[in-house]
Amino acid sequence: MSDLAAALDIVGARWALLIVEKLLDGPQRYGDLQREFGMGTNMLATRLRELEAAGVLRRLPLRHNTRAYALTERGLALRPAITALAHWGAENL
């Protein structure tokens, strides 16, 4: 498997990079992410679990059974790739 294929196994699923991009702004609560993207809670929960299992993000404990998520160092390392993709999109689409 190529390095690119291995990376896409982690962040190539639908919504994954958009979640990471949003978390580059700082920690986000689950409900805020759901409202931001308007996706079903089952899809959001699945993507968050996958990214957490891959070490891209971590859960933050909050009061009242509220969950928040923040990028790990591994997740923050995606910033240049996301910036490059956004730049490519702006220039080519």
N, C-alpha and C. Protein backbone atom coordinates (compact mmCIF):
# COMPACT_ATOMS: atom_id res chain seq x y z
N MET A 1 0.86 -1.18 0.00
CA MET A 1 0.00 0.00 0.00
C MET A 1 0.90 1.24 0.00
N SER A 2 0.53 2.21 -0.83
CA SER A 2 1.30 3.44 -0.88
C SER A 2 1.04 4.29 0.35
N ASP A 3 1.93 5.25 0.58
CA ASP A 3 1.74 6.17 1.71
C ASP A 3 0.45 6.98 1.55
N LEU A 4 0.14 7.38 0.32
CA LEU A 4 -1.08 8.13 0.08
C LEU A 4 -2.31 7.28 0.37
N ALA A 5 -2.29 6.04 -0.06
CA ALA A 5 -3.42 5.14 0.21
C ALA A 5 -3.59 4.94 1.71
N ALA A 6 -2.50 4.81 2.43
CA ALA A 6 -2.57 4.64 3.89
C ALA A 6 -3.16 5.87 4.55
N ALA A 7 -2.76 7.06 4.08
CA ALA A 7 -3.30 8.31 4.63
C ALA A 7 -4.80 8.42 4.33
N LEU A 8 -5.19 8.05 3.12
CA LEU A 8 -6.60 8.14 2.76
C LEU A 8 -7.45 7.13 3.52
N ASP A 9 -6.86 6.04 3.95
CA ASP A 9 -7.60 5.11 4.81
C ASP A 9 -8.03 5.79 6.10
N ILE A 10 -7.27 6.77 6.53
CA ILE A 10 -7.56 7.47 7.79
C ILE A 10 -8.44 8.69 7.55
N VAL A 11 -8.11 9.53 6.59
CA VAL A 11 -8.81 10.81 6.42
C VAL A 11 -9.57 10.92 5.11
N GLY A 12 -9.67 9.84 4.36
CA GLY A 12 -10.32 9.91 3.06
C GLY A 12 -11.82 9.67 3.08
N ALA A 13 -12.36 9.25 4.20
CA ALA A 13 -13.80 9.00 4.27
C ALA A 13 -14.55 10.33 4.21
N ARG A 14 -15.77 10.26 3.69
CA ARG A 14 -16.59 11.46 3.58
C ARG A 14 -16.69 12.18 4.92
N TRP A 15 -16.52 13.47 4.92
CA TRP A 15 -16.59 14.37 6.07
C TRP A 15 -15.32 14.42 6.91
N ALA A 16 -14.45 13.45 6.81
CA ALA A 16 -13.30 13.38 7.72
C ALA A 16 -12.42 14.63 7.64
N LEU A 17 -12.02 15.02 6.44
CA LEU A 17 -11.16 16.20 6.33
C LEU A 17 -11.88 17.49 6.71
N LEU A 18 -13.18 17.55 6.47
CA LEU A 18 -13.94 18.74 6.88
C LEU A 18 -13.99 18.85 8.40
N ILE A 19 -14.11 17.72 9.07
CA ILE A 19 -14.08 17.72 10.54
C ILE A 19 -12.72 18.19 11.03
N VAL A 20 -11.66 17.65 10.43
CA VAL A 20 -10.30 18.05 10.83
C VAL A 20 -10.11 19.54 10.57
N GLU A 21 -10.57 20.02 9.40
CA GLU A 21 -10.42 21.44 9.09
C GLU A 21 -11.11 22.30 10.15
N LYS A 22 -12.30 21.92 10.56
CA LYS A 22 -13.02 22.70 11.58
C LYS A 22 -12.27 22.66 12.92
N LEU A 23 -11.70 21.51 13.26
CA LEU A 23 -10.98 21.40 14.52
C LEU A 23 -9.64 22.14 14.49
N LEU A 24 -9.17 22.51 13.32
CA LEU A 24 -7.96 23.35 13.25
C LEU A 24 -8.22 24.72 13.89
N ASP A 25 -9.49 25.13 13.96
CA ASP A 25 -9.85 26.39 14.62
C ASP A 25 -9.82 26.28 16.14
N GLY A 26 -9.75 25.06 16.65
CA GLY A 26 -9.76 24.83 18.09
C GLY A 26 -10.79 23.77 18.44
N PRO A 27 -10.84 23.37 19.70
CA PRO A 27 -11.78 22.34 20.13
C PRO A 27 -13.23 22.72 19.80
N GLN A 28 -14.01 21.72 19.47
CA GLN A 28 -15.41 21.92 19.11
C GLN A 28 -16.28 20.92 19.85
N ARG A 29 -17.44 21.35 20.27
CA ARG A 29 -18.39 20.44 20.91
C ARG A 29 -19.10 19.62 19.83
N TYR A 30 -19.53 18.45 20.22
CA TYR A 30 -20.21 17.53 19.31
C TYR A 30 -21.40 18.21 18.64
N GLY A 31 -22.24 18.84 19.42
CA GLY A 31 -23.43 19.48 18.86
C GLY A 31 -23.09 20.60 17.89
N ASP A 32 -22.02 21.33 18.16
CA ASP A 32 -21.61 22.40 17.24
C ASP A 32 -21.14 21.82 15.91
N LEU A 33 -20.41 20.70 15.97
CA LEU A 33 -19.97 20.04 14.73
C LEU A 33 -21.18 19.54 13.95
N GLN A 34 -22.14 18.98 14.64
CA GLN A 34 -23.33 18.45 13.96
C GLN A 34 -24.10 19.58 13.28
N ARG A 35 -24.24 20.70 13.95
CA ARG A 35 -24.94 21.84 13.35
C ARG A 35 -24.14 22.43 12.19
N GLU A 36 -22.84 22.50 12.34
CA GLU A 36 -21.97 23.07 11.29
C GLU A 36 -22.12 22.32 9.97
N PHE A 37 -22.13 21.00 10.06
CA PHE A 37 -22.14 20.19 8.85
C PHE A 37 -23.53 19.70 8.46
N GLY A 38 -24.47 19.71 9.37
CA GLY A 38 -25.81 19.26 9.08
C GLY A 38 -25.89 17.78 8.73
N MET A 39 -24.92 17.02 9.17
CA MET A 39 -24.93 15.58 8.89
C MET A 39 -25.65 14.84 10.00
N GLY A 40 -26.06 13.63 9.71
CA GLY A 40 -26.71 12.82 10.72
C GLY A 40 -25.77 12.51 11.87
N THR A 41 -26.35 12.37 13.04
CA THR A 41 -25.51 12.13 14.21
C THR A 41 -24.79 10.78 14.12
N ASN A 42 -25.41 9.80 13.45
CA ASN A 42 -24.74 8.51 13.31
C ASN A 42 -23.47 8.63 12.47
N MET A 43 -23.52 9.43 11.39
CA MET A 43 -22.34 9.63 10.54
C MET A 43 -21.26 10.39 11.29
N LEU A 44 -21.66 11.44 11.99
CA LEU A 44 -20.68 12.23 12.76
C LEU A 44 -20.03 11.37 13.82
N ALA A 45 -20.82 10.61 14.55
CA ALA A 45 -20.26 9.75 15.60
C ALA A 45 -19.29 8.74 15.02
N THR A 46 -19.62 8.18 13.87
CA THR A 46 -18.74 7.21 13.22
C THR A 46 -17.42 7.86 12.83
N ARG A 47 -17.49 9.01 12.18
CA ARG A 47 -16.25 9.68 11.75
C ARG A 47 -15.39 10.09 12.95
N LEU A 48 -16.02 10.59 13.99
CA LEU A 48 -15.25 10.99 15.18
C LEU A 48 -14.58 9.77 15.81
N ARG A 49 -15.28 8.65 15.90
CA ARG A 49 -14.68 7.43 16.45
C ARG A 49 -13.50 6.97 15.60
N GLU A 50 -13.67 7.01 14.27
CA GLU A 50 -12.59 6.59 13.38
C GLU A 50 -11.36 7.49 13.52
N LEU A 51 -11.59 8.79 13.56
CA LEU A 51 -10.47 9.73 13.70
C LEU A 51 -9.81 9.62 15.07
N GLU A 52 -10.60 9.35 16.08
CA GLU A 52 -10.04 9.16 17.42
C GLU A 52 -9.20 7.87 17.46
N ALA A 53 -9.71 6.81 16.89
CA ALA A 53 -8.98 5.53 16.86
C ALA A 53 -7.67 5.66 16.09
N ALA A 54 -7.64 6.54 15.09
CA ALA A 54 -6.44 6.76 14.29
C ALA A 54 -5.47 7.72 14.95
N GLY A 55 -5.86 8.30 16.10
CA GLY A 55 -4.98 9.23 16.80
C GLY A 55 -4.97 10.63 16.23
N VAL A 56 -5.98 10.97 15.42
CA VAL A 56 -6.05 12.29 14.80
C VAL A 56 -6.70 13.30 15.74
N LEU A 57 -7.64 12.84 16.55
CA LEU A 57 -8.29 13.72 17.51
C LEU A 57 -8.50 12.99 18.82
N ARG A 58 -8.87 13.77 19.83
CA ARG A 58 -9.15 13.19 21.15
C ARG A 58 -10.39 13.85 21.72
N ARG A 59 -11.04 13.09 22.58
CA ARG A 59 -12.23 13.61 23.26
C ARG A 59 -11.81 14.42 24.47
N LEU A 60 -12.52 15.49 24.71
CA LEU A 60 -12.29 16.32 25.89
C LEU A 60 -13.48 16.15 26.83
N PRO A 61 -13.23 15.93 28.10
CA PRO A 61 -14.34 15.79 29.04
C PRO A 61 -14.95 17.16 29.36
N LEU A 62 -16.24 17.24 29.25
CA LEU A 62 -16.98 18.45 29.61
C LEU A 62 -18.08 18.06 30.59
N ARG A 63 -18.70 19.05 31.18
CA ARG A 63 -19.81 18.80 32.12
C ARG A 63 -21.07 18.36 31.40
N HIS A 64 -21.96 17.75 32.15
CA HIS A 64 -23.31 17.41 31.68
C HIS A 64 -23.31 16.47 30.48
N ASN A 65 -22.39 15.51 30.47
CA ASN A 65 -22.30 14.52 29.40
C ASN A 65 -22.10 15.12 28.02
N THR A 66 -21.57 16.32 27.96
CA THR A 66 -21.27 16.96 26.69
C THR A 66 -19.87 16.55 26.27
N ARG A 67 -19.72 16.31 24.98
CA ARG A 67 -18.40 15.93 24.48
C ARG A 67 -17.85 17.03 23.60
N ALA A 68 -16.55 17.20 23.65
CA ALA A 68 -15.86 18.10 22.74
C ALA A 68 -14.68 17.34 22.18
N TYR A 69 -14.18 17.81 21.07
CA TYR A 69 -13.09 17.14 20.37
C TYR A 69 -12.01 18.14 20.02
N ALA A 70 -10.77 17.69 20.09
CA ALA A 70 -9.62 18.53 19.75
C ALA A 70 -8.63 17.68 18.97
N LEU A 71 -7.88 18.32 18.10
CA LEU A 71 -6.87 17.61 17.34
C LEU A 71 -5.68 17.26 18.21
N THR A 72 -5.09 16.14 17.93
CA THR A 72 -3.82 15.75 18.54
C THR A 72 -2.70 16.34 17.68
N GLU A 73 -1.47 16.10 18.05
CA GLU A 73 -0.35 16.54 17.23
C GLU A 73 -0.43 15.92 15.84
N ARG A 74 -0.84 14.66 15.80
CA ARG A 74 -1.00 13.96 14.52
C ARG A 74 -2.06 14.66 13.66
N GLY A 75 -3.13 15.09 14.27
CA GLY A 75 -4.17 15.81 13.55
C GLY A 75 -3.72 17.18 13.10
N LEU A 76 -3.01 17.89 13.97
CA LEU A 76 -2.50 19.22 13.62
C LEU A 76 -1.52 19.16 12.46
N ALA A 77 -0.84 18.02 12.31
CA ALA A 77 0.12 17.86 11.21
C ALA A 77 -0.58 17.84 9.85
N LEU A 78 -1.90 17.71 9.83
CA LEU A 78 -2.65 17.74 8.57
C LEU A 78 -2.89 19.15 8.05
N ARG A 79 -2.57 20.17 8.85
CA ARG A 79 -2.82 21.56 8.44
C ARG A 79 -2.25 21.89 7.05
N PRO A 80 -0.98 21.59 6.77
CA PRO A 80 -0.45 21.94 5.44
C PRO A 80 -1.19 21.24 4.30
N ALA A 81 -1.57 19.99 4.49
CA ALA A 81 -2.28 19.26 3.45
C ALA A 81 -3.66 19.86 3.21
N ILE A 82 -4.35 20.21 4.28
CA ILE A 82 -5.69 20.81 4.15
C ILE A 82 -5.59 22.19 3.51
N THR A 83 -4.59 22.96 3.91
CA THR A 83 -4.38 24.29 3.31
C THR A 83 -4.10 24.15 1.82
N ALA A 84 -3.27 23.19 1.45
CA ALA A 84 -2.94 22.98 0.04
C ALA A 84 -4.17 22.54 -0.75
N LEU A 85 -4.98 21.66 -0.20
CA LEU A 85 -6.20 21.23 -0.89
C LEU A 85 -7.17 22.40 -1.05
N ALA A 86 -7.31 23.22 -0.03
CA ALA A 86 -8.21 24.37 -0.11
C ALA A 86 -7.70 25.35 -1.18
N HIS A 87 -6.41 25.56 -1.23
CA HIS A 87 -5.82 26.44 -2.23
C HIS A 87 -6.06 25.89 -3.63
N TRP A 88 -5.86 24.58 -3.79
CA TRP A 88 -6.09 23.93 -5.08
C TRP A 88 -7.56 24.11 -5.49
N GLY A 89 -8.47 23.90 -4.54
CA GLY A 89 -9.89 24.06 -4.83
C GLY A 89 -10.23 25.47 -5.26
N ALA A 90 -9.66 26.45 -4.58
CA ALA A 90 -9.94 27.84 -4.90
C ALA A 90 -9.44 28.20 -6.30
N GLU A 91 -8.35 27.61 -6.72
CA GLU A 91 -7.78 27.96 -8.00
C GLU A 91 -8.32 27.12 -9.17
N ASN A 92 -8.86 25.98 -8.88
CA ASN A 92 -9.21 25.05 -9.96
C ASN A 92 -10.68 24.70 -10.06
N LEU A 93 -11.49 25.12 -9.13
CA LEU A 93 -12.91 24.75 -9.20
C LEU A 93 -13.78 25.98 -9.37
